[in-house]
Amino acid sequence: METAARLALADAGLPLPQTQFEVLDGAGRFLARLDGAFPEERVGLEFDGRSVHSAPEALYRDRARQNDLMELGWVLLRFTWWDVVEQPGRFVDAVSRTVAMRRATLHTAR
């Protein structure tokens, strides 16, 4: 699914996210590994496969991790196979809009 996502973004002429990006907390400790990331904009992409993310433990872990990332100022976009493969235009638009919005917001704040 990650490959399909990168291909959809590339086909739309968008920059590609860094893959398997490690996020560290303020003390330099490992917090999360994102499937894709635009680190300058602090936008993370997660691709949720049904087999892994449907278990209750995974759901709890995913939500705690998402909250930790949000506390560090990250925006996390979550996608399923259906989003990426069956609705690639919608997927690409969501990523594009979010990265552009964050870029504008962070640029204004500096």
PDB file of N, CA and C in Angstrom:
ATOM      1  N   MET A   1       0.822  -1.186   0.000  1.00  0.00           N
ATOM      2  CA  MET A   1       0.000   0.000   0.000  1.00  0.00           C
ATOM      3  C   MET A   1       0.872   1.258   0.000  1.00  0.00           C
ATOM      4  N   GLU A   2       2.002   1.220   0.704  1.00  0.00           N
ATOM      5  CA  GLU A   2       2.893   2.379   0.732  1.00  0.00           C
ATOM      6  C   GLU A   2       3.443   2.681  -0.665  1.00  0.00           C
ATOM      7  N   THR A   3       3.763   1.638  -1.417  1.00  0.00           N
ATOM      8  CA  THR A   3       4.251   1.837  -2.788  1.00  0.00           C
ATOM      9  C   THR A   3       3.162   2.456  -3.653  1.00  0.00           C
ATOM     10  N   ALA A   4       1.934   1.963  -3.537  1.00  0.00           N
ATOM     11  CA  ALA A   4       0.820   2.521  -4.299  1.00  0.00           C
ATOM     12  C   ALA A   4       0.611   3.988  -3.942  1.00  0.00           C
ATOM     13  N   ALA A   5       0.781   4.323  -2.680  1.00  0.00           N
ATOM     14  CA  ALA A   5       0.613   5.713  -2.249  1.00  0.00           C
ATOM     15  C   ALA A   5       1.686   6.604  -2.860  1.00  0.00           C
ATOM     16  N   ARG A   6       2.930   6.142  -2.831  1.00  0.00           N
ATOM     17  CA  ARG A   6       4.016   6.940  -3.424  1.00  0.00           C
ATOM     18  C   ARG A   6       3.802   7.108  -4.924  1.00  0.00           C
ATOM     19  N   LEU A   7       3.342   6.057  -5.602  1.00  0.00           N
ATOM     20  CA  LEU A   7       3.076   6.161  -7.036  1.00  0.00           C
ATOM     21  C   LEU A   7       1.956   7.162  -7.325  1.00  0.00           C
ATOM     22  N   ALA A   8       0.907   7.147  -6.522  1.00  0.00           N
ATOM     23  CA  ALA A   8      -0.197   8.099  -6.721  1.00  0.00           C
ATOM     24  C   ALA A   8       0.285   9.531  -6.532  1.00  0.00           C
ATOM     25  N   LEU A   9       1.117   9.760  -5.523  1.00  0.00           N
ATOM     26  CA  LEU A   9       1.650  11.105  -5.286  1.00  0.00           C
ATOM     27  C   LEU A   9       2.577  11.530  -6.424  1.00  0.00           C
ATOM     28  N   ALA A  10       3.430  10.619  -6.866  1.00  0.00           N
ATOM     29  CA  ALA A  10       4.357  10.921  -7.961  1.00  0.00           C
ATOM     30  C   ALA A  10       3.588  11.204  -9.255  1.00  0.00           C
ATOM     31  N   ASP A  11       2.563  10.407  -9.543  1.00  0.00           N
ATOM     32  CA  ASP A  11       1.751  10.618 -10.746  1.00  0.00           C
ATOM     33  C   ASP A  11       1.085  11.988 -10.743  1.00  0.00           C
ATOM     34  N   ALA A  12       0.801  12.510  -9.546  1.00  0.00           N
ATOM     35  CA  ALA A  12       0.173  13.828  -9.423  1.00  0.00           C
ATOM     36  C   ALA A  12       1.215  14.943  -9.418  1.00  0.00           C
ATOM     37  N   GLY A  13       2.491  14.578  -9.519  1.00  0.00           N
ATOM     38  CA  GLY A  13       3.552  15.582  -9.538  1.00  0.00           C
ATOM     39  C   GLY A  13       3.884  16.160  -8.172  1.00  0.00           C
ATOM     40  N   LEU A  14       3.514  15.455  -7.112  1.00  0.00           N
ATOM     41  CA  LEU A  14       3.776  15.941  -5.760  1.00  0.00           C
ATOM     42  C   LEU A  14       5.087  15.390  -5.227  1.00  0.00           C
ATOM     43  N   PRO A  15       5.703  16.101  -4.285  1.00  0.00           N
ATOM     44  CA  PRO A  15       6.909  15.563  -3.661  1.00  0.00           C
ATOM     45  C   PRO A  15       6.570  14.293  -2.889  1.00  0.00           C
ATOM     46  N   LEU A  16       7.533  13.405  -2.803  1.00  0.00           N
ATOM     47  CA  LEU A  16       7.316  12.144  -2.101  1.00  0.00           C
ATOM     48  C   LEU A  16       7.680  12.286  -0.627  1.00  0.00           C
ATOM     49  N   PRO A  17       6.927  11.611   0.225  1.00  0.00           N
ATOM     50  CA  PRO A  17       7.255  11.647   1.649  1.00  0.00           C
ATOM     51  C   PRO A  17       8.493  10.804   1.923  1.00  0.00           C
ATOM     52  N   GLN A  18       9.164  11.117   3.021  1.00  0.00           N
ATOM     53  CA  GLN A  18      10.226  10.240   3.493  1.00  0.00           C
ATOM     54  C   GLN A  18       9.557   8.996   4.051  1.00  0.00           C
ATOM     55  N   THR A  19      10.125   7.850   3.754  1.00  0.00           N
ATOM     56  CA  THR A  19       9.514   6.600   4.219  1.00  0.00           C
ATOM     57  C   THR A  19      10.143   6.136   5.523  1.00  0.00           C
ATOM     58  N   GLN A  20       9.334   5.455   6.307  1.00  0.00           N
ATOM     59  CA  GLN A  20       9.759   4.887   7.593  1.00  0.00           C
ATOM     60  C   GLN A  20      10.512   5.927   8.426  1.00  0.00           C
ATOM     61  N   PHE A  21       9.904   7.090   8.548  1.00  0.00           N
ATOM     62  CA  PHE A  21      10.526   8.229   9.230  1.00  0.00           C
ATOM     63  C   PHE A  21      10.394   8.079  10.743  1.00  0.00           C
ATOM     64  N   GLU A  22      11.506   8.184  11.439  1.00  0.00           N
ATOM     65  CA  GLU A  22      11.505   8.062  12.897  1.00  0.00           C
ATOM     66  C   GLU A  22      11.323   9.432  13.543  1.00  0.00           C
ATOM     67  N   VAL A  23      10.354   9.502  14.444  1.00  0.00           N
ATOM     68  CA  VAL A  23      10.094  10.726  15.201  1.00  0.00           C
ATOM     69  C   VAL A  23      10.622  10.516  16.615  1.00  0.00           C
ATOM     70  N   LEU A  24      11.402  11.484  17.073  1.00  0.00           N
ATOM     71  CA  LEU A  24      11.957  11.441  18.425  1.00  0.00           C
ATOM     72  C   LEU A  24      11.236  12.468  19.283  1.00  0.00           C
ATOM     73  N   ASP A  25      11.134  12.188  20.566  1.00  0.00           N
ATOM     74  CA  ASP A  25      10.502  13.156  21.459  1.00  0.00           C
ATOM     75  C   ASP A  25      11.502  14.258  21.810  1.00  0.00           C
ATOM     76  N   GLY A  26      11.112  15.176  22.654  1.00  0.00           N
ATOM     77  CA  GLY A  26      11.961  16.310  23.020  1.00  0.00           C
ATOM     78  C   GLY A  26      13.271  15.919  23.671  1.00  0.00           C
ATOM     79  N   ALA A  27      13.323  14.735  24.263  1.00  0.00           N
ATOM     80  CA  ALA A  27      14.540  14.255  24.923  1.00  0.00           C
ATOM     81  C   ALA A  27      15.375  13.376  23.993  1.00  0.00           C
ATOM     82  N   GLY A  28      14.954  13.245  22.739  1.00  0.00           N
ATOM     83  CA  GLY A  28      15.704  12.441  21.787  1.00  0.00           C
ATOM     84  C   GLY A  28      15.384  10.961  21.816  1.00  0.00           C
ATOM     85  N   ARG A  29      14.317  10.579  22.519  1.00  0.00           N
ATOM     86  CA  ARG A  29      13.914   9.173  22.583  1.00  0.00           C
ATOM     87  C   ARG A  29      12.969   8.849  21.437  1.00  0.00           C
ATOM     88  N   PHE A  30      13.065   7.624  20.949  1.00  0.00           N
ATOM     89  CA  PHE A  30      12.198   7.159  19.866  1.00  0.00           C
ATOM     90  C   PHE A  30      10.742   7.223  20.296  1.00  0.00           C
ATOM     91  N   LEU A  31       9.921   7.841  19.447  1.00  0.00           N
ATOM     92  CA  LEU A  31       8.492   7.940  19.724  1.00  0.00           C
ATOM     93  C   LEU A  31       7.668   7.121  18.734  1.00  0.00           C
ATOM     94  N   ALA A  32       8.006   7.257  17.441  1.00  0.00           N
ATOM     95  CA  ALA A  32       7.197   6.582  16.426  1.00  0.00           C
ATOM     96  C   ALA A  32       7.978   6.452  15.128  1.00  0.00           C
ATOM     97  N   ARG A  33       7.604   5.450  14.355  1.00  0.00           N
ATOM     98  CA  ARG A  33       8.091   5.309  12.975  1.00  0.00           C
ATOM     99  C   ARG A  33       6.878   5.453  12.068  1.00  0.00           C
ATOM    100  N   LEU A  34       6.888   6.525  11.278  1.00  0.00           N
ATOM    101  CA  LEU A  34       5.764   6.818  10.387  1.00  0.00           C
ATOM    102  C   LEU A  34       5.981   6.147   9.043  1.00  0.00           C
ATOM    103  N   ASP A  35       4.903   5.661   8.442  1.00  0.00           N
ATOM    104  CA  ASP A  35       5.006   5.060   7.114  1.00  0.00           C
ATOM    105  C   ASP A  35       5.518   6.077   6.106  1.00  0.00           C
ATOM    106  N   GLY A  36       5.094   7.314   6.239  1.00  0.00           N
ATOM    107  CA  GLY A  36       5.553   8.395   5.377  1.00  0.00           C
ATOM    108  C   GLY A  36       5.527   9.688   6.157  1.00  0.00           C
ATOM    109  N   ALA A  37       6.416  10.614   5.803  1.00  0.00           N
ATOM    110  CA  ALA A  37       6.452  11.888   6.528  1.00  0.00           C
ATOM    111  C   ALA A  37       6.980  13.009   5.654  1.00  0.00           C
ATOM    112  N   PHE A  38       6.418  14.162   5.896  1.00  0.00           N
ATOM    113  CA  PHE A  38       6.933  15.426   5.387  1.00  0.00           C
ATOM    114  C   PHE A  38       7.415  16.155   6.643  1.00  0.00           C
ATOM    115  N   PRO A  39       8.667  15.900   7.054  1.00  0.00           N
ATOM    116  CA  PRO A  39       9.127  16.369   8.358  1.00  0.00           C
ATOM    117  C   PRO A  39       9.131  17.887   8.543  1.00  0.00           C
ATOM    118  N   GLU A  40       9.456  18.641   7.509  1.00  0.00           N
ATOM    119  CA  GLU A  40       9.482  20.099   7.664  1.00  0.00           C
ATOM    120  C   GLU A  40       8.096  20.638   7.998  1.00  0.00           C
ATOM    121  N   GLU A  41       7.074  20.018   7.458  1.00  0.00           N
ATOM    122  CA  GLU A  41       5.700  20.446   7.705  1.00  0.00           C
ATOM    123  C   GLU A  41       5.074  19.707   8.878  1.00  0.00           C
ATOM    124  N   ARG A  42       5.779  18.709   9.378  1.00  0.00           N
ATOM    125  CA  ARG A  42       5.286  17.835  10.453  1.00  0.00           C
ATOM    126  C   ARG A  42       3.944  17.201  10.078  1.00  0.00           C
ATOM    127  N   VAL A  43       3.934  16.612   8.886  1.00  0.00           N
ATOM    128  CA  VAL A  43       2.771  15.857   8.419  1.00  0.00           C
ATOM    129  C   VAL A  43       3.202  14.399   8.289  1.00  0.00           C
ATOM    130  N   GLY A  44       2.504  13.535   8.997  1.00  0.00           N
ATOM    131  CA  GLY A  44       2.788  12.110   8.937  1.00  0.00           C
ATOM    132  C   GLY A  44       1.689  11.374   8.193  1.00  0.00           C
ATOM    133  N   LEU A  45       2.084  10.308   7.503  1.00  0.00           N
ATOM    134  CA  LEU A  45       1.140   9.448   6.788  1.00  0.00           C
ATOM    135  C   LEU A  45       1.218   8.047   7.381  1.00  0.00           C
ATOM    136  N   GLU A  46       0.074   7.483   7.666  1.00  0.00           N
ATOM    137  CA  GLU A  46      -0.004   6.112   8.151  1.00  0.00           C
ATOM    138  C   GLU A  46      -0.954   5.344   7.233  1.00  0.00           C
ATOM    139  N   PHE A  47      -0.527   4.159   6.842  1.00  0.00           N
ATOM    140  CA  PHE A  47      -1.321   3.306   5.967  1.00  0.00           C
ATOM    141  C   PHE A  47      -1.740   2.089   6.780  1.00  0.00           C
ATOM    142  N   ASP A  48      -3.022   2.043   7.107  1.00  0.00           N
ATOM    143  CA  ASP A  48      -3.550   1.045   8.027  1.00  0.00           C
ATOM    144  C   ASP A  48      -4.083  -0.171   7.284  1.00  0.00           C
ATOM    145  N   GLY A  49      -3.329  -1.252   7.350  1.00  0.00           N
ATOM    146  CA  GLY A  49      -3.795  -2.512   6.798  1.00  0.00           C
ATOM    147  C   GLY A  49      -4.755  -3.177   7.766  1.00  0.00           C
ATOM    148  N   ARG A  50      -5.741  -3.837   7.226  1.00  0.00           N
ATOM    149  CA  ARG A  50      -6.780  -4.442   8.061  1.00  0.00           C
ATOM    150  C   ARG A  50      -6.225  -5.512   8.984  1.00  0.00           C
ATOM    151  N   SER A  51      -5.296  -6.318   8.510  1.00  0.00           N
ATOM    152  CA  SER A  51      -4.819  -7.436   9.320  1.00  0.00           C
ATOM    153  C   SER A  51      -4.060  -6.974  10.561  1.00  0.00           C
ATOM    154  N   VAL A  52      -3.342  -5.892  10.466  1.00  0.00           N
ATOM    155  CA  VAL A  52      -2.543  -5.408  11.603  1.00  0.00           C
ATOM    156  C   VAL A  52      -3.342  -4.467  12.492  1.00  0.00           C
ATOM    157  N   HIS A  53      -4.066  -3.554  11.904  1.00  0.00           N
ATOM    158  CA  HIS A  53      -4.672  -2.475  12.677  1.00  0.00           C
ATOM    159  C   HIS A  53      -6.086  -2.760  13.170  1.00  0.00           C
ATOM    160  N   SER A  54      -6.603  -3.960  12.936  1.00  0.00           N
ATOM    161  CA  SER A  54      -7.955  -4.262  13.396  1.00  0.00           C
ATOM    162  C   SER A  54      -7.978  -4.865  14.798  1.00  0.00           C
ATOM    163  N   ALA A  55      -6.848  -5.342  15.285  1.00  0.00           N
ATOM    164  CA  ALA A  55      -6.796  -5.915  16.633  1.00  0.00           C
ATOM    165  C   ALA A  55      -6.955  -4.801  17.669  1.00  0.00           C
ATOM    166  N   PRO A  56      -7.661  -5.065  18.758  1.00  0.00           N
ATOM    167  CA  PRO A  56      -7.873  -4.024  19.775  1.00  0.00           C
ATOM    168  C   PRO A  56      -6.566  -3.423  20.300  1.00  0.00           C
ATOM    169  N   GLU A  57      -5.553  -4.255  20.513  1.00  0.00           N
ATOM    170  CA  GLU A  57      -4.279  -3.746  21.035  1.00  0.00           C
ATOM    171  C   GLU A  57      -3.651  -2.747  20.063  1.00  0.00           C
ATOM    172  N   ALA A  58      -3.743  -3.041  18.776  1.00  0.00           N
ATOM    173  CA  ALA A  58      -3.191  -2.143  17.762  1.00  0.00           C
ATOM    174  C   ALA A  58      -3.962  -0.832  17.750  1.00  0.00           C
ATOM    175  N   LEU A  59      -5.270  -0.918  17.885  1.00  0.00           N
ATOM    176  CA  LEU A  59      -6.089   0.296  17.918  1.00  0.00           C
ATOM    177  C   LEU A  59      -5.665   1.186  19.087  1.00  0.00           C
ATOM    178  N   TYR A  60      -5.504   0.607  20.272  1.00  0.00           N
ATOM    179  CA  TYR A  60      -5.109   1.392  21.444  1.00  0.00           C
ATOM    180  C   TYR A  60      -3.714   1.980  21.255  1.00  0.00           C
ATOM    181  N   ARG A  61      -2.807   1.164  20.756  1.00  0.00           N
ATOM    182  CA  ARG A  61      -1.423   1.624  20.539  1.00  0.00           C
ATOM    183  C   ARG A  61      -1.378   2.742  19.491  1.00  0.00           C
ATOM    184  N   ASP A  62      -2.127   2.568  18.402  1.00  0.00           N
ATOM    185  CA  ASP A  62      -2.164   3.584  17.347  1.00  0.00           C
ATOM    186  C   ASP A  62      -2.691   4.915  17.880  1.00  0.00           C
ATOM    187  N   ARG A  63      -3.731   4.866  18.688  1.00  0.00           N
ATOM    188  CA  ARG A  63      -4.322   6.108  19.201  1.00  0.00           C
ATOM    189  C   ARG A  63      -3.384   6.799  20.194  1.00  0.00           C
ATOM    190  N   ALA A  64      -2.728   6.049  21.048  1.00  0.00           N
ATOM    191  CA  ALA A  64      -1.776   6.650  21.993  1.00  0.00           C
ATOM    192  C   ALA A  64      -0.614   7.287  21.237  1.00  0.00           C
ATOM    193  N   ARG A  65      -0.116   6.602  20.227  1.00  0.00           N
ATOM    194  CA  ARG A  65       0.978   7.117  19.411  1.00  0.00           C
ATOM    195  C   ARG A  65       0.554   8.378  18.676  1.00  0.00           C
ATOM    196  N   GLN A  66      -0.665   8.377  18.147  1.00  0.00           N
ATOM    197  CA  GLN A  66      -1.176   9.551  17.448  1.00  0.00           C
ATOM    198  C   GLN A  66      -1.250  10.743  18.404  1.00  0.00           C
ATOM    199  N   ASN A  67      -1.724  10.524  19.616  1.00  0.00           N
ATOM    200  CA  ASN A  67      -1.793  11.610  20.598  1.00  0.00           C
ATOM    201  C   ASN A  67      -0.400  12.131  20.934  1.00  0.00           C
ATOM    202  N   ASP A  68       0.569  11.230  21.075  1.00  0.00           N
ATOM    203  CA  ASP A  68       1.949  11.649  21.350  1.00  0.00           C
ATOM    204  C   ASP A  68       2.493  12.518  20.216  1.00  0.00           C
ATOM    205  N   LEU A  69       2.215  12.123  18.985  1.00  0.00           N
ATOM    206  CA  LEU A  69       2.671  12.896  17.827  1.00  0.00           C
ATOM    207  C   LEU A  69       2.007  14.273  17.790  1.00  0.00           C
ATOM    208  N   MET A  70       0.723  14.315  18.088  1.00  0.00           N
ATOM    209  CA  MET A  70       0.008  15.586  18.082  1.00  0.00           C
ATOM    210  C   MET A  70       0.567  16.534  19.135  1.00  0.00           C
ATOM    211  N   GLU A  71       0.966  15.996  20.269  1.00  0.00           N
ATOM    212  CA  GLU A  71       1.565  16.839  21.310  1.00  0.00           C
ATOM    213  C   GLU A  71       2.857  17.492  20.827  1.00  0.00           C
ATOM    214  N   LEU A  72       3.534  16.858  19.880  1.00  0.00           N
ATOM    215  CA  LEU A  72       4.770  17.415  19.311  1.00  0.00           C
ATOM    216  C   LEU A  72       4.495  18.291  18.094  1.00  0.00           C
ATOM    217  N   GLY A  73       3.220  18.513  17.782  1.00  0.00           N
ATOM    218  CA  GLY A  73       2.871  19.400  16.682  1.00  0.00           C
ATOM    219  C   GLY A  73       2.720  18.733  15.329  1.00  0.00           C
ATOM    220  N   TRP A  74       2.640  17.404  15.308  1.00  0.00           N
ATOM    221  CA  TRP A  74       2.457  16.678  14.051  1.00  0.00           C
ATOM    222  C   TRP A  74       0.975  16.566  13.717  1.00  0.00           C
ATOM    223  N   VAL A  75       0.691  16.563  12.417  1.00  0.00           N
ATOM    224  CA  VAL A  75      -0.631  16.211  11.897  1.00  0.00           C
ATOM    225  C   VAL A  75      -0.466  14.822  11.301  1.00  0.00           C
ATOM    226  N   LEU A  76      -1.347  13.912  11.662  1.00  0.00           N
ATOM    227  CA  LEU A  76      -1.252  12.539  11.170  1.00  0.00           C
ATOM    228  C   LEU A  76      -2.465  12.220  10.308  1.00  0.00           C
ATOM    229  N   LEU A  77      -2.192  11.842   9.064  1.00  0.00           N
ATOM    230  CA  LEU A  77      -3.241  11.417   8.144  1.00  0.00           C
ATOM    231  C   LEU A  77      -3.208   9.898   8.049  1.00  0.00           C
ATOM    232  N   ARG A  78      -4.355   9.272   8.244  1.00  0.00           N
ATOM    233  CA  ARG A  78      -4.450   7.814   8.203  1.00  0.00           C
ATOM    234  C   ARG A  78      -5.238   7.403   6.965  1.00  0.00           C
ATOM    235  N   PHE A  79      -4.720   6.388   6.269  1.00  0.00           N
ATOM    236  CA  PHE A  79      -5.360   5.910   5.050  1.00  0.00           C
ATOM    237  C   PHE A  79      -5.435   4.390   5.051  1.00  0.00           C
ATOM    238  N   THR A  80      -6.433   3.877   4.350  1.00  0.00           N
ATOM    239  CA  THR A  80      -6.596   2.439   4.159  1.00  0.00           C
ATOM    240  C   THR A  80      -6.290   2.103   2.704  1.00  0.00           C
ATOM    241  N   TRP A  81      -6.273   0.819   2.412  1.00  0.00           N
ATOM    242  CA  TRP A  81      -6.073   0.367   1.036  1.00  0.00           C
ATOM    243  C   TRP A  81      -7.115   0.995   0.132  1.00  0.00           C
ATOM    244  N   TRP A  82      -8.354   1.050   0.590  1.00  0.00           N
ATOM    245  CA  TRP A  82      -9.434   1.596  -0.213  1.00  0.00           C
ATOM    246  C   TRP A  82      -9.142   3.056  -0.586  1.00  0.00           C
ATOM    247  N   ASP A  83      -8.679   3.826   0.386  1.00  0.00           N
ATOM    248  CA  ASP A  83      -8.370   5.235   0.126  1.00  0.00           C
ATOM    249  C   ASP A  83      -7.325   5.395  -0.970  1.00  0.00           C
ATOM    250  N   VAL A  84      -6.260   4.620  -0.865  1.00  0.00           N
ATOM    251  CA  VAL A  84      -5.111   4.782  -1.763  1.00  0.00           C
ATOM    252  C   VAL A  84      -5.381   4.199  -3.147  1.00  0.00           C
ATOM    253  N   VAL A  85      -5.979   3.023  -3.208  1.00  0.00           N
ATOM    254  CA  VAL A  85      -6.130   2.312  -4.479  1.00  0.00           C
ATOM    255  C   VAL A  85      -7.436   2.642  -5.189  1.00  0.00           C
ATOM    256  N   GLU A  86      -8.518   2.749  -4.440  1.00  0.00           N
ATOM    257  CA  GLU A  86      -9.825   2.972  -5.058  1.00  0.00           C
ATOM    258  C   GLU A  86     -10.183   4.451  -5.188  1.00  0.00           C
ATOM    259  N   GLN A  87      -9.561   5.288  -4.366  1.00  0.00           N
ATOM    260  CA  GLN A  87      -9.856   6.721  -4.407  1.00  0.00           C
ATOM    261  C   GLN A  87      -8.560   7.528  -4.414  1.00  0.00           C
ATOM    262  N   PRO A  88      -7.666   7.250  -5.351  1.00  0.00           N
ATOM    263  CA  PRO A  88      -6.350   7.910  -5.306  1.00  0.00           C
ATOM    264  C   PRO A  88      -6.423   9.431  -5.426  1.00  0.00           C
ATOM    265  N   GLY A  89      -7.390   9.951  -6.182  1.00  0.00           N
ATOM    266  CA  GLY A  89      -7.514  11.404  -6.298  1.00  0.00           C
ATOM    267  C   GLY A  89      -7.833  12.054  -4.963  1.00  0.00           C
ATOM    268  N   ARG A  90      -8.727  11.431  -4.244  1.00  0.00           N
ATOM    269  CA  ARG A  90      -9.091  11.943  -2.914  1.00  0.00           C
ATOM    270  C   ARG A  90      -7.898  11.847  -1.961  1.00  0.00           C
ATOM    271  N   PHE A  91      -7.179  10.737  -2.007  1.00  0.00           N
ATOM    272  CA  PHE A  91      -5.978  10.555  -1.189  1.00  0.00           C
ATOM    273  C   PHE A  91      -4.952  11.642  -1.498  1.00  0.00           C
ATOM    274  N   VAL A  92      -4.654  11.831  -2.785  1.00  0.00           N
ATOM    275  CA  VAL A  92      -3.662  12.823  -3.208  1.00  0.00           C
ATOM    276  C   VAL A  92      -4.096  14.227  -2.782  1.00  0.00           C
ATOM    277  N   ASP A  93      -5.368  14.552  -2.962  1.00  0.00           N
ATOM    278  CA  ASP A  93      -5.861  15.872  -2.571  1.00  0.00           C
ATOM    279  C   ASP A  93      -5.703  16.108  -1.074  1.00  0.00           C
ATOM    280  N   ALA A  94      -6.004  15.110  -0.270  1.00  0.00           N
ATOM    281  CA  ALA A  94      -5.887  15.260   1.182  1.00  0.00           C
ATOM    282  C   ALA A  94      -4.437  15.523   1.593  1.00  0.00           C
ATOM    283  N   VAL A  95      -3.518  14.755   1.017  1.00  0.00           N
ATOM    284  CA  VAL A  95      -2.103  14.949   1.340  1.00  0.00           C
ATOM    285  C   VAL A  95      -1.642  16.320   0.864  1.00  0.00           C
ATOM    286  N   SER A  96      -1.973  16.669  -0.369  1.00  0.00           N
ATOM    287  CA  SER A  96      -1.549  17.943  -0.948  1.00  0.00           C
ATOM    288  C   SER A  96      -2.068  19.130  -0.149  1.00  0.00           C
ATOM    289  N   ARG A  97      -3.349  19.113   0.180  1.00  0.00           N
ATOM    290  CA  ARG A  97      -3.944  20.225   0.940  1.00  0.00           C
ATOM    291  C   ARG A  97      -3.322  20.353   2.322  1.00  0.00           C
ATOM    292  N   THR A  98      -3.120  19.225   2.985  1.00  0.00           N
ATOM    293  CA  THR A  98      -2.589  19.261   4.344  1.00  0.00           C
ATOM    294  C   THR A  98      -1.150  19.759   4.360  1.00  0.00           C
ATOM    295  N   VAL A  99      -0.331  19.258   3.443  1.00  0.00           N
ATOM    296  CA  VAL A  99       1.066  19.706   3.386  1.00  0.00           C
ATOM    297  C   VAL A  99       1.124  21.199   3.054  1.00  0.00           C
ATOM    298  N   ALA A 100       0.319  21.649   2.102  1.00  0.00           N
ATOM    299  CA  ALA A 100       0.306  23.069   1.729  1.00  0.00           C
ATOM    300  C   ALA A 100      -0.155  23.942   2.899  1.00  0.00           C
ATOM    301  N   MET A 101      -1.193  23.499   3.594  1.00  0.00           N
ATOM    302  CA  MET A 101      -1.705  24.253   4.738  1.00  0.00           C
ATOM    303  C   MET A 101      -0.643  24.360   5.833  1.00  0.00           C
ATOM    304  N   ARG A 102      -0.003  23.233   6.126  1.00  0.00           N
ATOM    305  CA  ARG A 102       1.036  23.234   7.172  1.00  0.00           C
ATOM    306  C   ARG A 102       2.221  24.095   6.761  1.00  0.00           C
ATOM    307  N   ARG A 103       2.603  24.020   5.497  1.00  0.00           N
ATOM    308  CA  ARG A 103       3.718  24.819   4.998  1.00  0.00           C
ATOM    309  C   ARG A 103       3.410  26.317   5.178  1.00  0.00           C
ATOM    310  N   ALA A 104       2.203  26.706   4.828  1.00  0.00           N
ATOM    311  CA  ALA A 104       1.801  28.106   4.963  1.00  0.00           C
ATOM    312  C   ALA A 104       1.736  28.519   6.428  1.00  0.00           C
ATOM    313  N   THR A 105       1.193  27.656   7.263  1.00  0.00           N
ATOM    314  CA  THR A 105       1.072  27.963   8.688  1.00  0.00           C
ATOM    315  C   THR A 105       2.435  28.074   9.356  1.00  0.00           C
ATOM    316  N   LEU A 106       3.314  27.130   9.085  1.00  0.00           N
ATOM    317  CA  LEU A 106       4.632  27.148   9.705  1.00  0.00           C
ATOM    318  C   LEU A 106       5.489  28.280   9.165  1.00  0.00           C
ATOM    319  N   HIS A 107       5.329  28.604   7.880  1.00  0.00           N
ATOM    320  CA  HIS A 107       6.091  29.707   7.275  1.00  0.00           C
ATOM    321  C   HIS A 107       5.664  31.039   7.909  1.00  0.00           C
ATOM    322  N   THR A 108       4.360  31.212   8.146  1.00  0.00           N
ATOM    323  CA  THR A 108       3.847  32.426   8.753  1.00  0.00           C
ATOM    324  C   THR A 108       4.321  32.569  10.191  1.00  0.00           C
ATOM    325  N   ALA A 109       4.428  31.431  10.900  1.00  0.00           N
ATOM    326  CA  ALA A 109       4.820  31.457  12.304  1.00  0.00           C
ATOM    327  C   ALA A 109       6.301  31.807  12.490  1.00  0.00           C
ATOM    328  N   ARG A 110       7.097  31.615  11.463  1.00  0.00           N
ATOM    329  CA  ARG A 110       8.544  31.853  11.607  1.00  0.00           C
ATOM    330  C   ARG A 110       8.880  33.263  11.451  1.00  0.00           C
TER     331      ARG A 110
END
